[in-house]
Amino acid sequence: EGVTPSGIYVHKRSDTGAVLGSSTDRFTVIQNGDAEELLTRALHGAEYAVASIGALKHGGITFASVDFDDMPDINVAGQKILPFLSLVNAHDGRGSLRVYGTGIRPECLNTINLGWLSGTRLGRLSHTTNVMARIPELERAIQMYLDLAPKAETVVSRLINARLSPADLTKAIDMMTPVPEARMKDGKVKNAAAITRAEARRDDIRALALTDDRVGWTGTAWGLFQAFSTYEQQEKGFRRTATSGVESRQGATLVEHFTGKQEATDSKLMARVLRFADVTGVKVTAAGLVAV
């Protein structure tokens, strides 16, 4: 009594009571069963297998990765990338129902954003009351996913064909991992810790690029990119944050992937790789990495 409603609604799980986020009344909750129905209707009864299903950030994000028989594996220089269509649903009041083309490189379990590699963005459906009427948008996203394999193979093959000498590779890594200049005060280095961290990062990435079998493709533009990607996803320090619901490195990797943060990081990284390597027929655009 005496309180004016703010128009903000809290999203809570019905089973645990955990608060997932807040929104205005324009946000319509799309339950996981609704997302499944959307996918089934968009596929017109075509069969698919659920490869993985899970929740992140206390259930603020749920996802299901599915596999289709008619989606070929991607073969890159003798290595196989297993592609999946991921349907990611937001329950935090801010996100949307999103469609990702994702892949796993079995040799090192790196998560690969296939949509970014092919230069396509798949799909995004807002949480609105008419979401069931937007089946055609989801159909287009699925078709884009099914067309990914040849595009991704073309782009990655051109990056593999772009060679880097050992000297050029070392120079590129050094320039992409800058070490700050020492700042002196009263005869002491005030930023010694920052210098040590930067030097350690550079050494770790150099070791990945030159000696680690998980990276591979040594001496190529793709190998240089994979060295940084492997470091970001598997090697850099990870801090567990109970309040965000991310309790593992794998969970943190998926959150960054499904929220678009990894895509933005990879796009900037690839732009830098292309500046150091003589890559023909590939460029970074606003839509992602494309063959030209």
Protein backbone atom coordinates (compact mmCIF):
# COMPACT_ATOMS: atom_id res chain seq x y z
CA GLU A 1 0.00 0.00 0.00
CA GLY A 2 1.30 3.42 -0.91
CA VAL A 3 3.90 2.00 -3.32
CA THR A 4 3.62 2.84 -7.01
CA PRO A 5 4.36 -0.23 -9.19
CA SER A 6 7.57 0.21 -11.12
CA GLY A 7 6.54 -1.87 -14.12
CA ILE A 8 9.55 -4.14 -13.58
CA TYR A 9 8.96 -7.86 -13.13
CA VAL A 10 11.36 -10.33 -11.50
CA HIS A 11 12.10 -13.66 -13.17
CA LYS A 12 12.35 -16.54 -10.70
CA ARG A 13 12.71 -20.28 -11.08
CA SER A 14 9.63 -22.11 -9.86
CA ASP A 15 11.66 -24.99 -8.44
CA THR A 16 14.51 -23.27 -6.56
CA GLY A 17 13.26 -19.71 -6.29
CA ALA A 18 16.52 -18.41 -7.76
CA VAL A 19 16.20 -14.91 -9.24
CA LEU A 20 17.33 -14.97 -12.88
CA GLY A 21 16.78 -11.33 -13.83
CA SER A 22 14.10 -8.74 -14.44
CA SER A 23 12.21 -7.13 -17.30
CA THR A 24 9.21 -5.08 -18.27
CA ASP A 25 5.93 -6.72 -19.21
CA ARG A 26 7.00 -6.61 -22.89
CA PHE A 27 9.18 -9.66 -22.25
CA THR A 28 7.26 -12.92 -22.71
CA VAL A 29 8.66 -16.03 -21.09
CA ILE A 30 9.38 -18.78 -23.63
CA GLN A 31 9.52 -22.03 -21.73
CA ASN A 32 11.94 -24.73 -22.85
CA GLY A 33 9.03 -26.81 -24.05
CA ASP A 34 7.96 -23.92 -26.27
CA ALA A 35 11.47 -23.76 -27.76
CA GLU A 36 11.33 -27.47 -28.52
CA GLU A 37 7.95 -27.04 -30.22
CA LEU A 38 9.33 -24.17 -32.32
CA LEU A 39 12.22 -26.31 -33.53
CA THR A 40 10.00 -29.30 -34.29
CA ARG A 41 7.56 -27.18 -36.29
CA ALA A 42 10.33 -25.41 -38.18
CA LEU A 43 11.82 -28.78 -39.19
CA HIS A 44 8.43 -30.05 -40.45
CA GLY A 45 8.90 -33.37 -38.73
CA ALA A 46 12.49 -34.01 -39.88
CA GLU A 47 14.44 -36.10 -37.41
CA TYR A 48 17.24 -34.72 -35.27
CA ALA A 49 19.21 -36.01 -32.30
CA VAL A 50 19.86 -33.99 -29.15
CA ALA A 51 23.62 -34.04 -28.59
CA SER A 52 23.70 -31.99 -25.39
CA ILE A 53 21.36 -30.02 -23.19
CA GLY A 54 22.05 -27.86 -20.17
CA ALA A 55 21.66 -24.66 -18.20
CA LEU A 56 24.04 -21.82 -17.35
CA LYS A 57 23.92 -18.95 -14.85
CA HIS A 58 21.49 -20.72 -12.52
CA GLY A 59 19.15 -21.37 -15.46
CA GLY A 60 19.28 -17.83 -16.84
CA ILE A 61 20.45 -19.45 -20.08
CA THR A 62 19.38 -22.87 -21.30
CA PHE A 63 20.64 -24.57 -24.43
CA ALA A 64 20.18 -27.66 -26.56
CA SER A 65 22.62 -28.69 -29.29
CA VAL A 66 21.14 -30.92 -31.97
CA ASP A 67 22.63 -33.02 -34.75
CA PHE A 68 21.16 -33.68 -38.19
CA ASP A 69 21.93 -36.64 -40.42
CA ASP A 70 22.05 -34.41 -43.51
CA MET A 71 24.64 -32.02 -42.00
CA PRO A 72 28.08 -33.23 -43.15
CA ASP A 73 31.11 -33.08 -40.91
CA ILE A 74 33.55 -30.32 -41.78
CA ASN A 75 36.95 -31.59 -42.89
CA VAL A 76 39.81 -29.13 -42.52
CA ALA A 77 43.20 -30.38 -43.69
CA GLY A 78 42.47 -33.90 -42.47
CA GLN A 79 40.94 -32.84 -39.16
CA LYS A 80 37.25 -33.22 -38.48
CA ILE A 81 35.00 -30.57 -36.94
CA LEU A 82 31.68 -31.84 -35.64
CA PRO A 83 28.94 -29.25 -36.33
CA PHE A 84 25.81 -28.76 -34.23
CA LEU A 85 22.83 -26.46 -34.31
CA SER A 86 22.43 -24.86 -30.87
CA LEU A 87 19.14 -23.40 -29.72
CA VAL A 88 19.85 -21.02 -26.83
CA ASN A 89 17.03 -19.63 -24.69
CA ALA A 90 17.31 -16.67 -22.30
CA HIS A 91 15.29 -16.56 -19.08
CA ASP A 92 16.95 -13.49 -17.56
CA GLY A 93 14.64 -10.90 -19.11
CA ARG A 94 17.30 -9.47 -21.41
CA GLY A 95 18.20 -12.04 -24.02
CA SER A 96 16.30 -13.69 -26.83
CA LEU A 97 15.83 -17.13 -28.34
CA ARG A 98 18.95 -17.52 -30.47
CA VAL A 99 20.18 -20.00 -33.06
CA TYR A 100 23.90 -20.71 -33.35
CA GLY A 101 25.93 -22.82 -35.71
CA THR A 102 28.51 -24.31 -33.38
CA GLY A 103 31.13 -27.00 -33.65
CA ILE A 104 33.54 -28.98 -31.55
CA ARG A 105 37.05 -29.79 -32.69
CA PRO A 106 37.49 -33.24 -31.07
CA GLU A 107 41.30 -33.05 -30.93
CA CYS A 108 41.21 -30.33 -28.26
CA LEU A 109 37.51 -29.69 -27.56
CA ASN A 110 37.71 -26.07 -28.67
CA THR A 111 34.29 -24.56 -29.25
CA ILE A 112 34.06 -23.13 -32.76
CA ASN A 113 31.52 -20.54 -33.85
CA LEU A 114 30.65 -21.82 -37.32
CA GLY A 115 28.21 -19.00 -38.00
CA TRP A 116 31.04 -16.51 -37.57
CA LEU A 117 33.44 -18.53 -39.71
CA SER A 118 31.05 -18.63 -42.63
CA GLY A 119 30.13 -14.97 -42.46
CA THR A 120 26.52 -15.65 -41.52
CA ARG A 121 24.51 -14.79 -38.47
CA LEU A 122 21.87 -17.41 -37.96
CA GLY A 123 18.81 -16.26 -36.05
CA ARG A 124 17.40 -14.34 -33.12
CA LEU A 125 13.77 -14.39 -31.98
CA SER A 126 12.64 -11.87 -29.39
CA HIS A 127 10.60 -13.05 -26.42
CA THR A 128 7.26 -11.76 -27.67
CA THR A 129 3.75 -13.16 -27.61
CA ASN A 130 3.78 -13.89 -31.37
CA VAL A 131 6.92 -16.00 -31.30
CA MET A 132 5.05 -19.08 -32.58
CA ALA A 133 4.09 -17.13 -35.69
CA ARG A 134 7.74 -16.55 -36.55
CA ILE A 135 8.51 -20.07 -37.73
CA PRO A 136 9.82 -18.82 -41.12
CA GLU A 137 12.64 -16.94 -39.36
CA LEU A 138 13.71 -20.11 -37.59
CA GLU A 139 13.46 -22.06 -40.87
CA ARG A 140 15.84 -19.60 -42.53
CA ALA A 141 18.29 -19.91 -39.64
CA ILE A 142 18.26 -23.71 -39.94
CA GLN A 143 18.87 -23.56 -43.68
CA MET A 144 21.80 -21.21 -43.13
CA TYR A 145 23.21 -23.74 -40.68
CA LEU A 146 22.86 -26.57 -43.19
CA ASP A 147 24.79 -24.49 -45.74
CA LEU A 148 27.73 -23.86 -43.40
CA ALA A 149 30.03 -26.79 -44.15
CA PRO A 150 31.39 -25.81 -47.60
CA LYS A 151 31.71 -22.15 -46.59
CA ALA A 152 33.65 -22.94 -43.43
CA GLU A 153 35.91 -25.40 -45.28
CA THR A 154 36.74 -22.76 -47.91
CA VAL A 155 37.61 -20.06 -45.39
CA VAL A 156 39.70 -22.25 -43.11
CA SER A 157 41.55 -23.88 -46.02
CA ARG A 158 42.65 -20.45 -47.25
CA LEU A 159 43.88 -19.56 -43.77
CA ILE A 160 45.85 -22.81 -43.63
CA ASN A 161 47.44 -22.05 -47.00
CA ALA A 162 48.69 -18.68 -45.71
CA ARG A 163 52.16 -19.58 -44.45
CA LEU A 164 54.17 -17.85 -41.73
CA SER A 165 57.91 -18.35 -41.27
CA PRO A 166 59.11 -19.06 -37.69
CA ALA A 167 60.45 -15.50 -37.51
CA ASP A 168 57.20 -14.00 -38.77
CA LEU A 169 55.18 -16.17 -36.38
CA THR A 170 57.26 -15.05 -33.40
CA LYS A 171 57.02 -11.42 -34.50
CA ALA A 172 53.23 -11.66 -34.87
CA ILE A 173 52.81 -13.19 -31.40
CA ASP A 174 55.06 -10.55 -29.83
CA MET A 175 53.12 -7.73 -31.46
CA MET A 176 49.75 -9.27 -30.55
CA THR A 177 50.79 -9.76 -26.90
CA PRO A 178 52.28 -6.40 -25.92
CA VAL A 179 54.23 -6.05 -22.69
CA PRO A 180 53.78 -2.70 -20.95
CA GLU A 181 56.71 -0.37 -20.46
CA ALA A 182 58.11 -0.26 -16.95
CA ARG A 183 56.89 2.67 -14.87
CA MET A 184 59.44 3.76 -12.31
CA LYS A 185 58.86 5.54 -9.00
CA ASP A 186 61.41 6.01 -6.28
CA GLY A 187 63.72 3.58 -8.04
CA LYS A 188 61.13 0.78 -8.16
CA VAL A 189 59.04 -0.67 -10.98
CA LYS A 190 55.45 0.15 -10.04
CA ASN A 191 53.81 -2.11 -12.65
CA ALA A 192 56.03 -5.17 -12.19
CA ALA A 193 53.04 -7.50 -11.71
CA ALA A 194 51.42 -6.35 -14.96
CA ILE A 195 54.68 -6.88 -16.84
CA THR A 196 55.07 -10.38 -15.39
CA ARG A 197 51.51 -11.33 -16.38
CA ALA A 198 51.96 -10.01 -19.92
CA GLU A 199 55.26 -11.84 -20.36
CA ALA A 200 53.74 -15.08 -19.06
CA ARG A 201 50.80 -14.73 -21.46
CA ARG A 202 53.16 -14.18 -24.38
CA ASP A 203 55.27 -17.21 -23.41
CA ASP A 204 52.18 -19.42 -23.04
CA ILE A 205 50.77 -18.44 -26.44
CA ARG A 206 54.17 -18.87 -28.12
CA ALA A 207 54.45 -22.38 -26.65
CA LEU A 208 50.94 -23.23 -27.85
CA ALA A 209 51.67 -21.98 -31.37
CA LEU A 210 55.02 -23.76 -31.72
CA THR A 211 54.80 -26.99 -29.75
CA ASP A 212 51.26 -27.89 -28.60
CA ASP A 213 49.53 -30.67 -30.55
CA ARG A 214 46.10 -29.31 -29.58
CA VAL A 215 46.70 -26.26 -31.77
CA GLY A 216 48.32 -27.74 -34.85
CA TRP A 217 48.77 -26.06 -38.22
CA THR A 218 52.07 -24.53 -37.08
CA GLY A 219 53.34 -21.85 -39.41
CA THR A 220 49.94 -20.88 -40.82
CA ALA A 221 47.47 -18.07 -40.22
CA TRP A 222 44.92 -20.60 -38.95
CA GLY A 223 47.47 -22.04 -36.52
CA LEU A 224 48.20 -18.54 -35.18
CA PHE A 225 44.48 -17.95 -34.64
CA GLN A 226 44.05 -21.34 -32.97
CA ALA A 227 46.94 -20.65 -30.57
CA PHE A 228 45.19 -17.55 -29.23
CA SER A 229 41.78 -19.28 -29.26
CA THR A 230 43.11 -22.28 -27.32
CA TYR A 231 44.70 -19.97 -24.76
CA GLU A 232 41.48 -18.01 -24.27
CA GLN A 233 39.28 -21.09 -23.95
CA GLN A 234 41.53 -23.50 -22.08
CA GLU A 235 44.67 -21.96 -20.64
CA LYS A 236 44.06 -18.50 -19.23
CA GLY A 237 43.16 -18.13 -15.58
CA PHE A 238 39.58 -18.87 -14.62
CA ARG A 239 37.84 -17.42 -11.58
CA ARG A 240 34.73 -19.18 -10.32
CA THR A 241 31.87 -16.79 -9.67
CA ALA A 242 29.05 -18.37 -7.71
CA THR A 243 26.79 -15.35 -8.10
CA SER A 244 26.79 -15.68 -11.90
CA GLY A 245 26.18 -19.42 -11.85
CA VAL A 246 29.37 -20.17 -13.80
CA GLU A 247 31.22 -22.80 -11.81
CA SER A 248 33.54 -24.30 -14.41
CA ARG A 249 35.83 -23.26 -17.22
CA GLN A 250 33.59 -25.13 -19.66
CA GLY A 251 30.58 -23.20 -18.40
CA ALA A 252 32.40 -19.90 -18.77
CA THR A 253 33.38 -20.83 -22.34
CA LEU A 254 29.77 -21.58 -23.25
CA VAL A 255 28.46 -18.39 -21.64
CA GLU A 256 30.93 -16.33 -23.67
CA HIS A 257 29.97 -18.26 -26.80
CA PHE A 258 26.20 -18.07 -26.35
CA THR A 259 26.18 -14.39 -25.37
CA GLY A 260 28.24 -13.29 -28.38
CA LYS A 261 31.32 -12.29 -26.36
CA GLN A 262 33.50 -14.99 -27.92
CA GLU A 263 32.32 -13.99 -31.39
CA ALA A 264 33.41 -10.39 -30.78
CA THR A 265 36.77 -11.55 -29.39
CA ASP A 266 37.38 -13.90 -32.31
CA SER A 267 36.44 -11.26 -34.86
CA LYS A 268 38.98 -8.77 -33.46
CA LEU A 269 41.61 -11.51 -33.17
CA MET A 270 41.13 -12.67 -36.75
CA ALA A 271 41.36 -9.10 -38.03
CA ARG A 272 44.76 -8.87 -36.34
CA VAL A 273 45.86 -12.25 -37.70
CA LEU A 274 45.00 -11.16 -41.24
CA ARG A 275 47.17 -8.06 -40.81
CA PHE A 276 50.21 -10.22 -40.03
CA ALA A 277 49.63 -13.01 -42.57
CA ASP A 278 49.42 -12.88 -46.35
CA VAL A 279 45.92 -14.32 -46.63
CA THR A 280 44.22 -14.09 -50.01
CA GLY A 281 40.50 -14.51 -50.54
CA VAL A 282 39.43 -13.95 -46.90
CA LYS A 283 38.28 -10.83 -45.10
CA VAL A 284 36.55 -9.83 -41.89
CA THR A 285 33.27 -8.01 -42.44
CA ALA A 286 30.56 -6.71 -40.14
CA ALA A 287 28.81 -10.06 -40.62
CA GLY A 288 31.90 -12.12 -39.82
CA LEU A 289 34.66 -13.94 -41.67
CA VAL A 290 33.93 -14.51 -45.36
CA ALA A 291 35.60 -15.89 -48.47
CA VAL A 292 35.87 -13.38 -51.31
